[in-house]
Amino acid sequence: QVQLVESGGGLVQAGGSLRLSCAASGSDFTISAMGWYRQAPGKQRDLVAFISSGGSTKYGDSVKGRFTISRDNVKNTVYLQMNSLNAEDTAVYYCWGGGRLSERPFNSWGQGTQVTVSS
């Protein structure tokens, strides 16, 4: 299995910033694309940001210009820098990763980290 462990969530005031991290661990795997999704109470899980193995990125419309996704391929870690946070960003943020495990495709999710923005 490939495990994804998020960190960096918490409580922040509106207008503030947070940086989330997600590290992948396991054996005999290669991680390709990675991304962040979020889910607010009573809502579906939505894409926040996505980054390919080559560094191409895609963002959800509501976070464009405020959030930045990046990755460290040596550490198998993906980051999400979140700036200008507002109350609508309050959600559980989930890390996602896909690639190959023992030459078979895999998809894994982290356990989620809570981000709460106070207005």
Protein backbone atom coordinates (compact mmCIF):
# COMPACT_ATOMS: atom_id res chain seq x y z
CA GLN A 1 0.00 0.00 0.00
CA VAL A 2 0.92 3.63 -0.46
CA GLN A 3 0.07 5.81 2.50
CA LEU A 4 -0.54 9.54 2.27
CA VAL A 5 -0.24 11.59 5.43
CA GLU A 6 -1.36 15.23 5.52
CA SER A 7 -0.24 17.91 7.93
CA GLY A 8 -0.54 21.65 8.35
CA GLY A 9 -4.25 22.19 8.83
CA GLY A 10 -5.68 24.32 11.61
CA LEU A 11 -7.54 27.47 12.50
CA VAL A 12 -6.69 30.73 10.79
CA GLN A 13 -8.32 34.14 10.52
CA ALA A 14 -9.79 35.36 7.27
CA GLY A 15 -7.08 36.84 5.10
CA GLY A 16 -4.43 34.60 6.58
CA SER A 17 -2.36 31.79 5.13
CA LEU A 18 -1.72 28.11 5.73
CA ARG A 19 0.55 25.57 4.11
CA LEU A 20 -0.52 21.96 3.84
CA SER A 21 1.88 19.09 3.27
CA CYS A 22 1.24 15.52 2.20
CA ALA A 23 3.91 12.85 2.20
CA ALA A 24 3.59 9.51 0.42
CA SER A 25 5.25 6.44 1.87
CA GLY A 26 5.45 2.76 1.09
CA SER A 27 7.63 0.45 -0.91
CA ASP A 28 8.02 -0.35 -4.59
CA PHE A 29 5.92 2.54 -5.81
CA THR A 30 6.18 5.45 -8.17
CA ILE A 31 3.83 8.33 -7.63
CA SER A 32 2.77 10.31 -10.66
CA ALA A 33 -0.01 12.82 -10.23
CA MET A 34 -0.88 14.32 -6.87
CA GLY A 35 -3.59 16.66 -5.78
CA TRP A 36 -5.70 18.24 -3.09
CA TYR A 37 -9.45 18.00 -2.70
CA ARG A 38 -11.73 19.46 -0.06
CA GLN A 39 -15.09 18.67 1.39
CA ALA A 40 -17.22 21.03 3.43
CA PRO A 41 -20.10 19.73 5.59
CA GLY A 42 -23.05 18.70 3.45
CA LYS A 43 -21.16 19.24 0.19
CA GLN A 44 -19.38 17.01 -2.28
CA ARG A 45 -15.64 16.58 -2.42
CA ASP A 46 -14.21 19.04 -4.94
CA LEU A 47 -10.87 19.46 -6.64
CA VAL A 48 -8.69 22.19 -5.16
CA ALA A 49 -5.46 21.67 -7.08
CA PHE A 50 -3.70 19.03 -9.13
CA ILE A 51 -0.10 18.60 -10.21
CA SER A 52 1.24 16.11 -12.72
CA SER A 53 4.54 14.30 -12.57
CA GLY A 54 5.91 16.86 -14.99
CA GLY A 55 4.75 19.80 -12.91
CA SER A 56 1.67 20.85 -14.86
CA THR A 57 -0.99 22.27 -12.55
CA LYS A 58 -4.74 22.74 -12.48
CA TYR A 59 -6.80 24.64 -9.94
CA GLY A 60 -10.41 24.85 -8.93
CA ASP A 61 -11.99 28.13 -10.00
CA SER A 62 -12.56 29.33 -6.45
CA VAL A 63 -8.89 29.11 -5.46
CA LYS A 64 -7.15 30.36 -8.60
CA GLY A 65 -4.71 33.13 -7.79
CA ARG A 66 -4.79 32.37 -4.06
CA PHE A 67 -3.55 28.78 -3.73
CA THR A 68 -0.37 27.26 -5.12
CA ILE A 69 0.39 23.56 -5.42
CA SER A 70 3.94 22.28 -5.61
CA ARG A 71 5.77 19.02 -5.12
CA ASP A 72 9.11 17.56 -4.12
CA ASN A 73 9.60 14.41 -6.18
CA VAL A 74 12.57 13.28 -4.10
CA LYS A 75 10.51 13.38 -0.92
CA ASN A 76 7.28 12.21 -2.62
CA THR A 77 5.60 15.18 -1.00
CA VAL A 78 3.02 17.63 -2.28
CA TYR A 79 2.34 21.04 -0.79
CA LEU A 80 -0.55 23.45 -0.90
CA GLN A 81 0.17 27.07 -0.08
CA MET A 82 -3.10 28.80 0.74
CA ASN A 83 -3.23 32.58 0.88
CA SER A 84 -6.04 35.10 1.33
CA LEU A 85 -8.17 32.50 3.05
CA ASN A 86 -11.84 33.16 3.57
CA ALA A 87 -14.67 31.39 5.38
CA GLU A 88 -15.67 29.53 2.21
CA ASP A 89 -12.31 27.72 2.33
CA THR A 90 -13.32 25.98 5.55
CA ALA A 91 -13.35 22.24 4.85
CA VAL A 92 -11.54 18.98 5.35
CA TYR A 93 -8.68 18.88 2.87
CA TYR A 94 -7.70 15.52 1.41
CA CYS A 95 -4.51 14.62 -0.36
CA TRP A 96 -4.69 12.29 -3.35
CA GLY A 97 -1.98 10.46 -5.21
CA GLY A 98 -1.86 8.11 -8.17
CA GLY A 99 0.84 6.11 -9.80
CA ARG A 100 2.18 2.58 -9.92
CA LEU A 101 2.62 0.14 -7.04
CA SER A 102 4.48 -3.06 -7.89
CA GLU A 103 3.85 -2.19 -11.55
CA ARG A 104 0.10 -1.89 -11.01
CA PRO A 105 -1.83 1.38 -11.01
CA PHE A 106 -2.97 2.73 -7.68
CA ASN A 107 -4.94 5.60 -6.21
CA SER A 108 -4.63 6.58 -2.58
CA TRP A 109 -6.21 9.16 -0.31
CA GLY A 110 -4.96 10.71 2.88
CA GLN A 111 -7.02 10.79 6.05
CA GLY A 112 -7.82 14.48 5.70
CA THR A 113 -6.85 17.58 7.62
CA GLN A 114 -9.27 20.21 8.88
CA VAL A 115 -8.90 23.81 7.78
CA THR A 116 -11.09 26.33 9.56
CA VAL A 117 -11.15 29.99 8.58
CA SER A 118 -12.73 32.36 11.06
CA SER A 119 -14.34 35.53 9.79
